Structures are given as C-alpha cells and as structure tokens.
Amino acid sequence: MILTQELQVILFKPQASIDLEGGKTLSEQMARVVPQAHQLWVIDLAEVNFMDSSGLVPLVKGLKAARQSGCRLVLCNVQAPVRLILELTQLDSVFEIFPTYEDIFSTVKEKSLVLAG
C-alpha cells in the first residue's frame, strides 16, 4: 500500500487484492488520514486485479467518512474485475469513477472546483 499526501490531494494506491486482508490494510491507511474539508481523496485501483464483497466495506466506509468531513472521494484506473463487482452491487453509480488519475484533474478544472482550502 502506498500513501501520498501533497497539497489537499490524498492518494491511496492499494495493490493486488482488496479482499478481507487487503481491505483491512486500506481501512487502516484511510484511518491514519485526518480528513479536512475540501480534500480530494483518490483511490487509484490501477494495481488491483481482484476485489470481493469484503473489499467493498473499506470503500463505502471511506466514502462515508470523506463526505461527513466535507471531502470528495473518487476512484480511478478501475480494472475490469473490480468494475464488475462495483456494477453488480450498483456502487458504480455511487462512486465517482475516472478512467485515469489525470482525468480527475481535467474534470476538476473544467468544473472549477477548488481543491485547496
């Protein structure tokens, strides 16, 4: 798990699987971040090739925590097996999902959203 914090963007990069074990690791990483209003939390799933139902828990909890704190949580680089789980559970309509990390910022600029408080 790689965690990067710069400016108001918090980047989570889980690796391999988000199952019971990987989900626990992701939850622990997100719990270490003190949410501040106007932060953008990005979960980059480029290196995640498997997710089961127990892996959905940290994503949903993270989204709830982000929203309660005035943050925005988005997913990017979602691989086909993970996208399938999100679609089957209809969570693809709950999360903001971007094709790439760079696409997040082009959309943010187009919408004139402020990332830094």
PDB file of N, CA and C in Angstrom:
ATOM      1  N   MET A   1       0.849  -1.178   0.000  1.00  0.00           N
ATOM      2  CA  MET A   1       0.000   0.000   0.000  1.00  0.00           C
ATOM      3  C   MET A   1       0.886   1.229   0.000  1.00  0.00           C
ATOM      4  N   ILE A   2       0.628   2.143  -0.908  1.00  0.00           N
ATOM      5  CA  ILE A   2       1.379   3.381  -0.996  1.00  0.00           C
ATOM      6  C   ILE A   2       0.424   4.512  -0.673  1.00  0.00           C
ATOM      7  N   LEU A   3       0.833   5.422   0.187  1.00  0.00           N
ATOM      8  CA  LEU A   3       0.007   6.557   0.563  1.00  0.00           C
ATOM      9  C   LEU A   3       0.811   7.818   0.330  1.00  0.00           C
ATOM     10  N   THR A   4       0.253   8.761  -0.421  1.00  0.00           N
ATOM     11  CA  THR A   4       0.936  10.003  -0.706  1.00  0.00           C
ATOM     12  C   THR A   4       0.034  11.160  -0.325  1.00  0.00           C
ATOM     13  N   GLN A   5       0.601  12.180   0.302  1.00  0.00           N
ATOM     14  CA  GLN A   5      -0.189  13.360   0.627  1.00  0.00           C
ATOM     15  C   GLN A   5       0.573  14.575   0.126  1.00  0.00           C
ATOM     16  N   GLU A   6      -0.067  15.324  -0.768  1.00  0.00           N
ATOM     17  CA  GLU A   6       0.514  16.568  -1.229  1.00  0.00           C
ATOM     18  C   GLU A   6      -0.627  17.554  -1.447  1.00  0.00           C
ATOM     19  N   LEU A   7      -0.416  18.768  -0.993  1.00  0.00           N
ATOM     20  CA  LEU A   7      -1.461  19.787  -1.008  1.00  0.00           C
ATOM     21  C   LEU A   7      -2.722  19.233  -0.362  1.00  0.00           C
ATOM     22  N   GLN A   8      -3.829  19.290  -1.057  1.00  0.00           N
ATOM     23  CA  GLN A   8      -5.081  18.788  -0.497  1.00  0.00           C
ATOM     24  C   GLN A   8      -5.535  17.507  -1.184  1.00  0.00           C
ATOM     25  N   VAL A   9      -4.638  16.854  -1.901  1.00  0.00           N
ATOM     26  CA  VAL A   9      -4.964  15.592  -2.564  1.00  0.00           C
ATOM     27  C   VAL A   9      -4.350  14.443  -1.765  1.00  0.00           C
ATOM     28  N   ILE A  10      -5.185  13.505  -1.368  1.00  0.00           N
ATOM     29  CA  ILE A  10      -4.726  12.319  -0.647  1.00  0.00           C
ATOM     30  C   ILE A  10      -4.874  11.140  -1.604  1.00  0.00           C
ATOM     31  N   LEU A  11      -3.759  10.478  -1.902  1.00  0.00           N
ATOM     32  CA  LEU A  11      -3.760   9.388  -2.875  1.00  0.00           C
ATOM     33  C   LEU A  11      -3.528   8.054  -2.178  1.00  0.00           C
ATOM     34  N   PHE A  12      -4.463   7.140  -2.365  1.00  0.00           N
ATOM     35  CA  PHE A  12      -4.343   5.777  -1.863  1.00  0.00           C
ATOM     36  C   PHE A  12      -4.119   4.870  -3.070  1.00  0.00           C
ATOM     37  N   LYS A  13      -3.114   3.996  -2.985  1.00  0.00           N
ATOM     38  CA  LYS A  13      -2.819   3.082  -4.089  1.00  0.00           C
ATOM     39  C   LYS A  13      -2.746   1.655  -3.577  1.00  0.00           C
ATOM     40  N   PRO A  14      -3.909   1.047  -3.327  1.00  0.00           N
ATOM     41  CA  PRO A  14      -3.880  -0.355  -2.897  1.00  0.00           C
ATOM     42  C   PRO A  14      -3.301  -1.229  -4.005  1.00  0.00           C
ATOM     43  N   GLN A  15      -2.756  -2.369  -3.608  1.00  0.00           N
ATOM     44  CA  GLN A  15      -2.110  -3.244  -4.582  1.00  0.00           C
ATOM     45  C   GLN A  15      -2.630  -4.673  -4.467  1.00  0.00           C
ATOM     46  N   ALA A  16      -2.678  -5.343  -5.588  1.00  0.00           N
ATOM     47  CA  ALA A  16      -3.066  -6.757  -5.728  1.00  0.00           C
ATOM     48  C   ALA A  16      -4.557  -6.980  -5.489  1.00  0.00           C
ATOM     49  N   SER A  17      -4.956  -7.264  -4.260  1.00  0.00           N
ATOM     50  CA  SER A  17      -6.350  -7.622  -3.980  1.00  0.00           C
ATOM     51  C   SER A  17      -6.940  -6.766  -2.875  1.00  0.00           C
ATOM     52  N   ILE A  18      -8.211  -6.436  -3.053  1.00  0.00           N
ATOM     53  CA  ILE A  18      -8.953  -5.827  -1.954  1.00  0.00           C
ATOM     54  C   ILE A  18      -9.966  -6.872  -1.523  1.00  0.00           C
ATOM     55  N   ASP A  19      -9.480  -7.759  -0.669  1.00  0.00           N
ATOM     56  CA  ASP A  19     -10.307  -8.799  -0.069  1.00  0.00           C
ATOM     57  C   ASP A  19     -10.299  -8.517   1.432  1.00  0.00           C
ATOM     58  N   LEU A  20     -10.528  -9.502   2.244  1.00  0.00           N
ATOM     59  CA  LEU A  20     -10.555  -9.267   3.690  1.00  0.00           C
ATOM     60  C   LEU A  20      -9.247  -8.644   4.177  1.00  0.00           C
ATOM     61  N   GLU A  21      -8.124  -9.222   3.766  1.00  0.00           N
ATOM     62  CA  GLU A  21      -6.799  -8.735   4.181  1.00  0.00           C
ATOM     63  C   GLU A  21      -6.485  -7.367   3.569  1.00  0.00           C
ATOM     64  N   GLY A  22      -6.618  -7.265   2.254  1.00  0.00           N
ATOM     65  CA  GLY A  22      -6.323  -6.001   1.569  1.00  0.00           C
ATOM     66  C   GLY A  22      -7.270  -4.890   1.982  1.00  0.00           C
ATOM     67  N   GLY A  23      -8.520  -5.245   2.257  1.00  0.00           N
ATOM     68  CA  GLY A  23      -9.499  -4.262   2.711  1.00  0.00           C
ATOM     69  C   GLY A  23      -9.152  -3.716   4.079  1.00  0.00           C
ATOM     70  N   LYS A  24      -8.648  -4.606   4.933  1.00  0.00           N
ATOM     71  CA  LYS A  24      -8.227  -4.185   6.273  1.00  0.00           C
ATOM     72  C   LYS A  24      -7.067  -3.198   6.163  1.00  0.00           C
ATOM     73  N   THR A  25      -6.118  -3.487   5.292  1.00  0.00           N
ATOM     74  CA  THR A  25      -4.969  -2.599   5.076  1.00  0.00           C
ATOM     75  C   THR A  25      -5.431  -1.240   4.563  1.00  0.00           C
ATOM     76  N   LEU A  26      -6.342  -1.239   3.591  1.00  0.00           N
ATOM     77  CA  LEU A  26      -6.854   0.019   3.050  1.00  0.00           C
ATOM     78  C   LEU A  26      -7.582   0.808   4.134  1.00  0.00           C
ATOM     79  N   SER A  27      -8.390   0.139   4.943  1.00  0.00           N
ATOM     80  CA  SER A  27      -9.106   0.807   6.044  1.00  0.00           C
ATOM     81  C   SER A  27      -8.127   1.455   7.021  1.00  0.00           C
ATOM     82  N   GLU A  28      -7.052   0.735   7.341  1.00  0.00           N
ATOM     83  CA  GLU A  28      -6.050   1.274   8.256  1.00  0.00           C
ATOM     84  C   GLU A  28      -5.369   2.503   7.663  1.00  0.00           C
ATOM     85  N   GLN A  29      -5.071   2.451   6.370  1.00  0.00           N
ATOM     86  CA  GLN A  29      -4.439   3.596   5.710  1.00  0.00           C
ATOM     87  C   GLN A  29      -5.359   4.819   5.746  1.00  0.00           C
ATOM     88  N   MET A  30      -6.637   4.607   5.437  1.00  0.00           N
ATOM     89  CA  MET A  30      -7.581   5.723   5.424  1.00  0.00           C
ATOM     90  C   MET A  30      -7.802   6.271   6.831  1.00  0.00           C
ATOM     91  N   ALA A  31      -7.757   5.409   7.839  1.00  0.00           N
ATOM     92  CA  ALA A  31      -7.961   5.843   9.220  1.00  0.00           C
ATOM     93  C   ALA A  31      -6.815   6.730   9.708  1.00  0.00           C
ATOM     94  N   ARG A  32      -5.645   6.599   9.108  1.00  0.00           N
ATOM     95  CA  ARG A  32      -4.488   7.415   9.506  1.00  0.00           C
ATOM     96  C   ARG A  32      -4.569   8.848   8.992  1.00  0.00           C
ATOM     97  N   VAL A  33      -5.413   9.087   8.023  1.00  0.00           N
ATOM     98  CA  VAL A  33      -5.542  10.427   7.447  1.00  0.00           C
ATOM     99  C   VAL A  33      -6.592  11.202   8.235  1.00  0.00           C
ATOM    100  N   VAL A  34      -6.215  12.375   8.663  1.00  0.00           N
ATOM    101  CA  VAL A  34      -7.168  13.243   9.342  1.00  0.00           C
ATOM    102  C   VAL A  34      -7.898  14.039   8.263  1.00  0.00           C
ATOM    103  N   PRO A  35      -9.180  13.745   8.065  1.00  0.00           N
ATOM    104  CA  PRO A  35      -9.903  14.430   6.996  1.00  0.00           C
ATOM    105  C   PRO A  35     -10.067  15.917   7.285  1.00  0.00           C
ATOM    106  N   GLN A  36      -9.872  16.693   6.257  1.00  0.00           N
ATOM    107  CA  GLN A  36     -10.078  18.140   6.341  1.00  0.00           C
ATOM    108  C   GLN A  36     -10.971  18.535   5.180  1.00  0.00           C
ATOM    109  N   ALA A  37     -11.835  19.492   5.437  1.00  0.00           N
ATOM    110  CA  ALA A  37     -12.755  19.943   4.394  1.00  0.00           C
ATOM    111  C   ALA A  37     -11.982  20.327   3.134  1.00  0.00           C
ATOM    112  N   HIS A  38     -12.542  20.026   2.012  1.00  0.00           N
ATOM    113  CA  HIS A  38     -12.018  20.364   0.681  1.00  0.00           C
ATOM    114  C   HIS A  38     -10.865  19.482   0.222  1.00  0.00           C
ATOM    115  N   GLN A  39     -10.561  18.416   0.957  1.00  0.00           N
ATOM    116  CA  GLN A  39      -9.551  17.479   0.463  1.00  0.00           C
ATOM    117  C   GLN A  39     -10.171  16.632  -0.640  1.00  0.00           C
ATOM    118  N   LEU A  40      -9.319  16.174  -1.530  1.00  0.00           N
ATOM    119  CA  LEU A  40      -9.722  15.221  -2.557  1.00  0.00           C
ATOM    120  C   LEU A  40      -9.020  13.915  -2.250  1.00  0.00           C
ATOM    121  N   TRP A  41      -9.797  12.878  -1.936  1.00  0.00           N
ATOM    122  CA  TRP A  41      -9.255  11.551  -1.684  1.00  0.00           C
ATOM    123  C   TRP A  41      -9.373  10.748  -2.969  1.00  0.00           C
ATOM    124  N   VAL A  42      -8.258  10.248  -3.452  1.00  0.00           N
ATOM    125  CA  VAL A  42      -8.227   9.465  -4.683  1.00  0.00           C
ATOM    126  C   VAL A  42      -7.789   8.044  -4.339  1.00  0.00           C
ATOM    127  N   ILE A  43      -8.605   7.076  -4.735  1.00  0.00           N
ATOM    128  CA  ILE A  43      -8.203   5.676  -4.599  1.00  0.00           C
ATOM    129  C   ILE A  43      -7.891   5.180  -6.005  1.00  0.00           C
ATOM    130  N   ASP A  44      -6.589   5.019  -6.268  1.00  0.00           N
ATOM    131  CA  ASP A  44      -6.105   4.582  -7.578  1.00  0.00           C
ATOM    132  C   ASP A  44      -6.047   3.052  -7.576  1.00  0.00           C
ATOM    133  N   LEU A  45      -6.911   2.436  -8.358  1.00  0.00           N
ATOM    134  CA  LEU A  45      -7.038   0.983  -8.377  1.00  0.00           C
ATOM    135  C   LEU A  45      -6.281   0.333  -9.539  1.00  0.00           C
ATOM    136  N   ALA A  46      -5.307   1.019 -10.093  1.00  0.00           N
ATOM    137  CA  ALA A  46      -4.561   0.509 -11.243  1.00  0.00           C
ATOM    138  C   ALA A  46      -3.912  -0.841 -10.975  1.00  0.00           C
ATOM    139  N   GLU A  47      -3.466  -1.068  -9.747  1.00  0.00           N
ATOM    140  CA  GLU A  47      -2.749  -2.305  -9.438  1.00  0.00           C
ATOM    141  C   GLU A  47      -3.609  -3.319  -8.700  1.00  0.00           C
ATOM    142  N   VAL A  48      -4.922  -3.078  -8.678  1.00  0.00           N
ATOM    143  CA  VAL A  48      -5.841  -4.005  -8.013  1.00  0.00           C
ATOM    144  C   VAL A  48      -6.530  -4.844  -9.082  1.00  0.00           C
ATOM    145  N   ASN A  49      -6.290  -6.149  -9.058  1.00  0.00           N
ATOM    146  CA  ASN A  49      -6.877  -7.024 -10.072  1.00  0.00           C
ATOM    147  C   ASN A  49      -7.963  -7.936  -9.504  1.00  0.00           C
ATOM    148  N   PHE A  50      -8.251  -7.778  -8.200  1.00  0.00           N
ATOM    149  CA  PHE A  50      -9.293  -8.600  -7.589  1.00  0.00           C
ATOM    150  C   PHE A  50      -9.896  -7.854  -6.402  1.00  0.00           C
ATOM    151  N   MET A  51     -11.224  -7.929  -6.303  1.00  0.00           N
ATOM    152  CA  MET A  51     -11.914  -7.395  -5.144  1.00  0.00           C
ATOM    153  C   MET A  51     -13.137  -8.262  -4.896  1.00  0.00           C
ATOM    154  N   ASP A  52     -13.359  -8.622  -3.636  1.00  0.00           N
ATOM    155  CA  ASP A  52     -14.561  -9.369  -3.307  1.00  0.00           C
ATOM    156  C   ASP A  52     -15.473  -8.489  -2.446  1.00  0.00           C
ATOM    157  N   SER A  53     -16.555  -9.056  -1.968  1.00  0.00           N
ATOM    158  CA  SER A  53     -17.535  -8.260  -1.228  1.00  0.00           C
ATOM    159  C   SER A  53     -16.957  -7.649   0.040  1.00  0.00           C
ATOM    160  N   SER A  54     -16.010  -8.337   0.680  1.00  0.00           N
ATOM    161  CA  SER A  54     -15.404  -7.765   1.887  1.00  0.00           C
ATOM    162  C   SER A  54     -14.527  -6.558   1.552  1.00  0.00           C
ATOM    163  N   GLY A  55     -14.100  -6.450   0.309  1.00  0.00           N
ATOM    164  CA  GLY A  55     -13.324  -5.300  -0.127  1.00  0.00           C
ATOM    165  C   GLY A  55     -14.169  -4.055  -0.351  1.00  0.00           C
ATOM    166  N   LEU A  56     -15.466  -4.243  -0.465  1.00  0.00           N
ATOM    167  CA  LEU A  56     -16.358  -3.093  -0.645  1.00  0.00           C
ATOM    168  C   LEU A  56     -16.501  -2.282   0.634  1.00  0.00           C
ATOM    169  N   VAL A  57     -16.361  -2.945   1.778  1.00  0.00           N
ATOM    170  CA  VAL A  57     -16.568  -2.286   3.070  1.00  0.00           C
ATOM    171  C   VAL A  57     -15.655  -1.071   3.250  1.00  0.00           C
ATOM    172  N   PRO A  58     -14.327  -1.197   3.049  1.00  0.00           N
ATOM    173  CA  PRO A  58     -13.488  -0.012   3.245  1.00  0.00           C
ATOM    174  C   PRO A  58     -13.783   1.104   2.238  1.00  0.00           C
ATOM    175  N   LEU A  59     -14.199   0.738   1.036  1.00  0.00           N
ATOM    176  CA  LEU A  59     -14.536   1.767   0.055  1.00  0.00           C
ATOM    177  C   LEU A  59     -15.759   2.560   0.504  1.00  0.00           C
ATOM    178  N   VAL A  60     -16.788   1.855   0.943  1.00  0.00           N
ATOM    179  CA  VAL A  60     -18.017   2.521   1.381  1.00  0.00           C
ATOM    180  C   VAL A  60     -17.772   3.320   2.661  1.00  0.00           C
ATOM    181  N   LYS A  61     -17.032   2.748   3.604  1.00  0.00           N
ATOM    182  CA  LYS A  61     -16.705   3.474   4.838  1.00  0.00           C
ATOM    183  C   LYS A  61     -15.876   4.716   4.537  1.00  0.00           C
ATOM    184  N   GLY A  62     -14.928   4.578   3.623  1.00  0.00           N
ATOM    185  CA  GLY A  62     -14.101   5.720   3.230  1.00  0.00           C
ATOM    186  C   GLY A  62     -14.930   6.822   2.593  1.00  0.00           C
ATOM    187  N   LEU A  63     -15.867   6.426   1.735  1.00  0.00           N
ATOM    188  CA  LEU A  63     -16.741   7.405   1.097  1.00  0.00           C
ATOM    189  C   LEU A  63     -17.585   8.124   2.143  1.00  0.00           C
ATOM    190  N   LYS A  64     -18.123   7.378   3.080  1.00  0.00           N
ATOM    191  CA  LYS A  64     -18.945   7.969   4.141  1.00  0.00           C
ATOM    192  C   LYS A  64     -18.121   8.940   4.987  1.00  0.00           C
ATOM    193  N   ALA A  65     -16.919   8.524   5.389  1.00  0.00           N
ATOM    194  CA  ALA A  65     -16.049   9.388   6.193  1.00  0.00           C
ATOM    195  C   ALA A  65     -15.672  10.651   5.437  1.00  0.00           C
ATOM    196  N   ALA A  66     -15.360  10.500   4.155  1.00  0.00           N
ATOM    197  CA  ALA A  66     -14.986  11.657   3.338  1.00  0.00           C
ATOM    198  C   ALA A  66     -16.147  12.643   3.243  1.00  0.00           C
ATOM    199  N   ARG A  67     -17.319  12.145   2.936  1.00  0.00           N
ATOM    200  CA  ARG A  67     -18.486  13.023   2.801  1.00  0.00           C
ATOM    201  C   ARG A  67     -18.820  13.724   4.102  1.00  0.00           C
ATOM    202  N   GLN A  68     -18.726  13.008   5.219  1.00  0.00           N
ATOM    203  CA  GLN A  68     -19.033  13.616   6.524  1.00  0.00           C
ATOM    204  C   GLN A  68     -18.047  14.724   6.873  1.00  0.00           C
ATOM    205  N   SER A  69     -16.844  14.654   6.320  1.00  0.00           N
ATOM    206  CA  SER A  69     -15.804  15.639   6.614  1.00  0.00           C
ATOM    207  C   SER A  69     -15.714  16.727   5.554  1.00  0.00           C
ATOM    208  N   GLY A  70     -16.593  16.692   4.572  1.00  0.00           N
ATOM    209  CA  GLY A  70     -16.552  17.700   3.511  1.00  0.00           C
ATOM    210  C   GLY A  70     -15.495  17.418   2.466  1.00  0.00           C
ATOM    211  N   CYS A  71     -15.053  16.164   2.397  1.00  0.00           N
ATOM    212  CA  CYS A  71     -14.063  15.760   1.394  1.00  0.00           C
ATOM    213  C   CYS A  71     -14.777  15.130   0.198  1.00  0.00           C
ATOM    214  N   ARG A  72     -14.021  14.944  -0.853  1.00  0.00           N
ATOM    215  CA  ARG A  72     -14.530  14.264  -2.046  1.00  0.00           C
ATOM    216  C   ARG A  72     -13.663  13.032  -2.256  1.00  0.00           C
ATOM    217  N   LEU A  73     -14.301  11.862  -2.412  1.00  0.00           N
ATOM    218  CA  LEU A  73     -13.572  10.623  -2.659  1.00  0.00           C
ATOM    219  C   LEU A  73     -13.916  10.133  -4.054  1.00  0.00           C
ATOM    220  N   VAL A  74     -12.872   9.831  -4.844  1.00  0.00           N
ATOM    221  CA  VAL A  74     -13.077   9.334  -6.200  1.00  0.00           C
ATOM    222  C   VAL A  74     -12.220   8.090  -6.426  1.00  0.00           C
ATOM    223  N   LEU A  75     -12.621   7.284  -7.386  1.00  0.00           N
ATOM    224  CA  LEU A  75     -11.861   6.112  -7.797  1.00  0.00           C
ATOM    225  C   LEU A  75     -11.318   6.355  -9.195  1.00  0.00           C
ATOM    226  N   CYS A  76     -10.160   5.777  -9.490  1.00  0.00           N
ATOM    227  CA  CYS A  76      -9.641   5.857 -10.856  1.00  0.00           C
ATOM    228  C   CYS A  76      -8.914   4.573 -11.207  1.00  0.00           C
ATOM    229  N   ASN A  77      -8.687   4.396 -12.506  1.00  0.00           N
ATOM    230  CA  ASN A  77      -7.976   3.221 -13.032  1.00  0.00           C
ATOM    231  C   ASN A  77      -8.599   1.911 -12.566  1.00  0.00           C
ATOM    232  N   VAL A  78      -9.918   1.836 -12.596  1.00  0.00           N
ATOM    233  CA  VAL A  78     -10.627   0.651 -12.124  1.00  0.00           C
ATOM    234  C   VAL A  78     -10.504  -0.456 -13.170  1.00  0.00           C
ATOM    235  N   GLN A  79      -9.913  -1.576 -12.768  1.00  0.00           N
ATOM    236  CA  GLN A  79      -9.724  -2.715 -13.660  1.00  0.00           C
ATOM    237  C   GLN A  79     -11.035  -3.479 -13.832  1.00  0.00           C
ATOM    238  N   ALA A  80     -11.165  -4.219 -14.924  1.00  0.00           N
ATOM    239  CA  ALA A  80     -12.413  -4.907 -15.277  1.00  0.00           C
ATOM    240  C   ALA A  80     -12.993  -5.780 -14.156  1.00  0.00           C
ATOM    241  N   PRO A  81     -12.207  -6.624 -13.473  1.00  0.00           N
ATOM    242  CA  PRO A  81     -12.805  -7.454 -12.414  1.00  0.00           C
ATOM    243  C   PRO A  81     -13.386  -6.622 -11.259  1.00  0.00           C
ATOM    244  N   VAL A  82     -12.729  -5.520 -10.949  1.00  0.00           N
ATOM    245  CA  VAL A  82     -13.199  -4.648  -9.867  1.00  0.00           C
ATOM    246  C   VAL A  82     -14.434  -3.877 -10.337  1.00  0.00           C
ATOM    247  N   ARG A  83     -14.400  -3.406 -11.572  1.00  0.00           N
ATOM    248  CA  ARG A  83     -15.557  -2.693 -12.123  1.00  0.00           C
ATOM    249  C   ARG A  83     -16.794  -3.592 -12.114  1.00  0.00           C
ATOM    250  N   LEU A  84     -16.608  -4.869 -12.414  1.00  0.00           N
ATOM    251  CA  LEU A  84     -17.724  -5.816 -12.416  1.00  0.00           C
ATOM    252  C   LEU A  84     -18.371  -5.894 -11.032  1.00  0.00           C
ATOM    253  N   ILE A  85     -17.572  -5.975  -9.985  1.00  0.00           N
ATOM    254  CA  ILE A  85     -18.101  -6.007  -8.614  1.00  0.00           C
ATOM    255  C   ILE A  85     -18.860  -4.720  -8.314  1.00  0.00           C
ATOM    256  N   LEU A  86     -18.299  -3.595  -8.711  1.00  0.00           N
ATOM    257  CA  LEU A  86     -18.973  -2.309  -8.477  1.00  0.00           C
ATOM    258  C   LEU A  86     -20.297  -2.237  -9.237  1.00  0.00           C
ATOM    259  N   GLU A  87     -20.319  -2.763 -10.453  1.00  0.00           N
ATOM    260  CA  GLU A  87     -21.549  -2.748 -11.244  1.00  0.00           C
ATOM    261  C   GLU A  87     -22.594  -3.699 -10.673  1.00  0.00           C
ATOM    262  N   LEU A  88     -22.173  -4.900 -10.269  1.00  0.00           N
ATOM    263  CA  LEU A  88     -23.121  -5.872  -9.719  1.00  0.00           C
ATOM    264  C   LEU A  88     -23.779  -5.372  -8.434  1.00  0.00           C
ATOM    265  N   THR A  89     -23.031  -4.614  -7.659  1.00  0.00           N
ATOM    266  CA  THR A  89     -23.561  -4.075  -6.408  1.00  0.00           C
ATOM    267  C   THR A  89     -24.169  -2.686  -6.594  1.00  0.00           C
ATOM    268  N   GLN A  90     -24.145  -2.198  -7.819  1.00  0.00           N
ATOM    269  CA  GLN A  90     -24.644  -0.879  -8.205  1.00  0.00           C
ATOM    270  C   GLN A  90     -23.912   0.263  -7.505  1.00  0.00           C
ATOM    271  N   LEU A  91     -22.723  -0.018  -7.009  1.00  0.00           N
ATOM    272  CA  LEU A  91     -21.910   1.026  -6.392  1.00  0.00           C
ATOM    273  C   LEU A  91     -21.207   1.887  -7.436  1.00  0.00           C
ATOM    274  N   ASP A  92     -21.219   1.442  -8.694  1.00  0.00           N
ATOM    275  CA  ASP A  92     -20.642   2.260  -9.759  1.00  0.00           C
ATOM    276  C   ASP A  92     -21.425   3.560  -9.931  1.00  0.00           C
ATOM    277  N   SER A  93     -22.669   3.587  -9.472  1.00  0.00           N
ATOM    278  CA  SER A  93     -23.462   4.820  -9.555  1.00  0.00           C
ATOM    279  C   SER A  93     -23.315   5.665  -8.287  1.00  0.00           C
ATOM    280  N   VAL A  94     -22.678   5.121  -7.258  1.00  0.00           N
ATOM    281  CA  VAL A  94     -22.482   5.846  -6.004  1.00  0.00           C
ATOM    282  C   VAL A  94     -21.125   6.557  -6.002  1.00  0.00           C
ATOM    283  N   PHE A  95     -20.101   5.877  -6.529  1.00  0.00           N
ATOM    284  CA  PHE A  95     -18.756   6.434  -6.561  1.00  0.00           C
ATOM    285  C   PHE A  95     -18.538   7.237  -7.837  1.00  0.00           C
ATOM    286  N   GLU A  96     -17.718   8.286  -7.724  1.00  0.00           N
ATOM    287  CA  GLU A  96     -17.227   8.969  -8.917  1.00  0.00           C
ATOM    288  C   GLU A  96     -16.057   8.134  -9.415  1.00  0.00           C
ATOM    289  N   ILE A  97     -16.136   7.693 -10.669  1.00  0.00           N
ATOM    290  CA  ILE A  97     -15.094   6.832 -11.230  1.00  0.00           C
ATOM    291  C   ILE A  97     -14.517   7.515 -12.471  1.00  0.00           C
ATOM    292  N   PHE A  98     -13.191   7.625 -12.483  1.00  0.00           N
ATOM    293  CA  PHE A  98     -12.492   8.251 -13.604  1.00  0.00           C
ATOM    294  C   PHE A  98     -11.595   7.224 -14.290  1.00  0.00           C
ATOM    295  N   PRO A  99     -11.442   7.320 -15.604  1.00  0.00           N
ATOM    296  CA  PRO A  99     -10.605   6.356 -16.333  1.00  0.00           C
ATOM    297  C   PRO A  99      -9.142   6.374 -15.873  1.00  0.00           C
ATOM    298  N   THR A 100      -8.586   7.574 -15.639  1.00  0.00           N
ATOM    299  CA  THR A 100      -7.186   7.693 -15.221  1.00  0.00           C
ATOM    300  C   THR A 100      -7.064   8.742 -14.119  1.00  0.00           C
ATOM    301  N   TYR A 101      -5.928   8.755 -13.476  1.00  0.00           N
ATOM    302  CA  TYR A 101      -5.633   9.746 -12.438  1.00  0.00           C
ATOM    303  C   TYR A 101      -5.676  11.154 -13.031  1.00  0.00           C
ATOM    304  N   GLU A 102      -5.104  11.313 -14.207  1.00  0.00           N
ATOM    305  CA  GLU A 102      -5.048  12.625 -14.850  1.00  0.00           C
ATOM    306  C   GLU A 102      -6.443  13.155 -15.190  1.00  0.00           C
ATOM    307  N   ASP A 103      -7.355  12.250 -15.535  1.00  0.00           N
ATOM    308  CA  ASP A 103      -8.719  12.666 -15.876  1.00  0.00           C
ATOM    309  C   ASP A 103      -9.427  13.335 -14.704  1.00  0.00           C
ATOM    310  N   ILE A 104      -9.063  12.989 -13.504  1.00  0.00           N
ATOM    311  CA  ILE A 104      -9.683  13.601 -12.323  1.00  0.00           C
ATOM    312  C   ILE A 104      -9.443  15.102 -12.355  1.00  0.00           C
ATOM    313  N   PHE A 105      -8.222  15.490 -12.652  1.00  0.00           N
ATOM    314  CA  PHE A 105      -7.850  16.898 -12.572  1.00  0.00           C
ATOM    315  C   PHE A 105      -8.323  17.698 -13.771  1.00  0.00           C
ATOM    316  N   SER A 106      -8.445  17.078 -14.930  1.00  0.00           N
ATOM    317  CA  SER A 106      -9.007  17.813 -16.065  1.00  0.00           C
ATOM    318  C   SER A 106     -10.484  18.080 -15.815  1.00  0.00           C
ATOM    319  N   THR A 107     -11.179  17.141 -15.189  1.00  0.00           N
ATOM    320  CA  THR A 107     -12.590  17.339 -14.857  1.00  0.00           C
ATOM    321  C   THR A 107     -12.741  18.371 -13.757  1.00  0.00           C
ATOM    322  N   VAL A 108     -11.853  18.340 -12.771  1.00  0.00           N
ATOM    323  CA  VAL A 108     -11.912  19.308 -11.682  1.00  0.00           C
ATOM    324  C   VAL A 108     -11.722  20.713 -12.232  1.00  0.00           C
ATOM    325  N   LYS A 109     -10.758  20.872 -13.133  1.00  0.00           N
ATOM    326  CA  LYS A 109     -10.518  22.197 -13.723  1.00  0.00           C
ATOM    327  C   LYS A 109     -11.724  22.657 -14.540  1.00  0.00           C
ATOM    328  N   GLU A 110     -12.331  21.736 -15.288  1.00  0.00           N
ATOM    329  CA  GLU A 110     -13.490  22.101 -16.094  1.00  0.00           C
ATOM    330  C   GLU A 110     -14.654  22.553 -15.217  1.00  0.00           C
ATOM    331  N   LYS A 111     -14.810  21.910 -14.063  1.00  0.00           N
ATOM    332  CA  LYS A 111     -15.907  22.264 -13.158  1.00  0.00           C
ATOM    333  C   LYS A 111     -15.540  23.414 -12.236  1.00  0.00           C
ATOM    334  N   SER A 112     -14.286  23.895 -12.332  1.00  0.00           N
ATOM    335  CA  SER A 112     -13.796  24.994 -11.494  1.00  0.00           C
ATOM    336  C   SER A 112     -13.953  24.707 -10.009  1.00  0.00           C
ATOM    337  N   LEU A 113     -13.679  23.482  -9.624  1.00  0.00           N
ATOM    338  CA  LEU A 113     -13.751  23.135  -8.211  1.00  0.00           C
ATOM    339  C   LEU A 113     -12.417  23.479  -7.560  1.00  0.00           C
ATOM    340  N   VAL A 114     -12.496  23.946  -6.341  1.00  0.00           N
ATOM    341  CA  VAL A 114     -11.290  24.303  -5.610  1.00  0.00           C
ATOM    342  C   VAL A 114     -10.867  23.095  -4.776  1.00  0.00           C
ATOM    343  N   LEU A 115      -9.613  22.685  -4.919  1.00  0.00           N
ATOM    344  CA  LEU A 115      -9.110  21.559  -4.143  1.00  0.00           C
ATOM    345  C   LEU A 115      -8.474  22.033  -2.842  1.00  0.00           C
ATOM    346  N   ALA A 116      -7.743  23.107  -2.894  1.00  0.00           N
ATOM    347  CA  ALA A 116      -7.071  23.603  -1.697  1.00  0.00           C
ATOM    348  C   ALA A 116      -7.960  24.608  -0.986  1.00  0.00           C
ATOM    349  N   GLY A 117      -8.019  24.482   0.326  1.00  0.00           N
ATOM    350  CA  GLY A 117      -8.902  25.347   1.113  1.00  0.00           C
ATOM    351  C   GLY A 117      -8.332  26.679   1.413  1.00  0.00           C
TER     352      GLY A 117
END
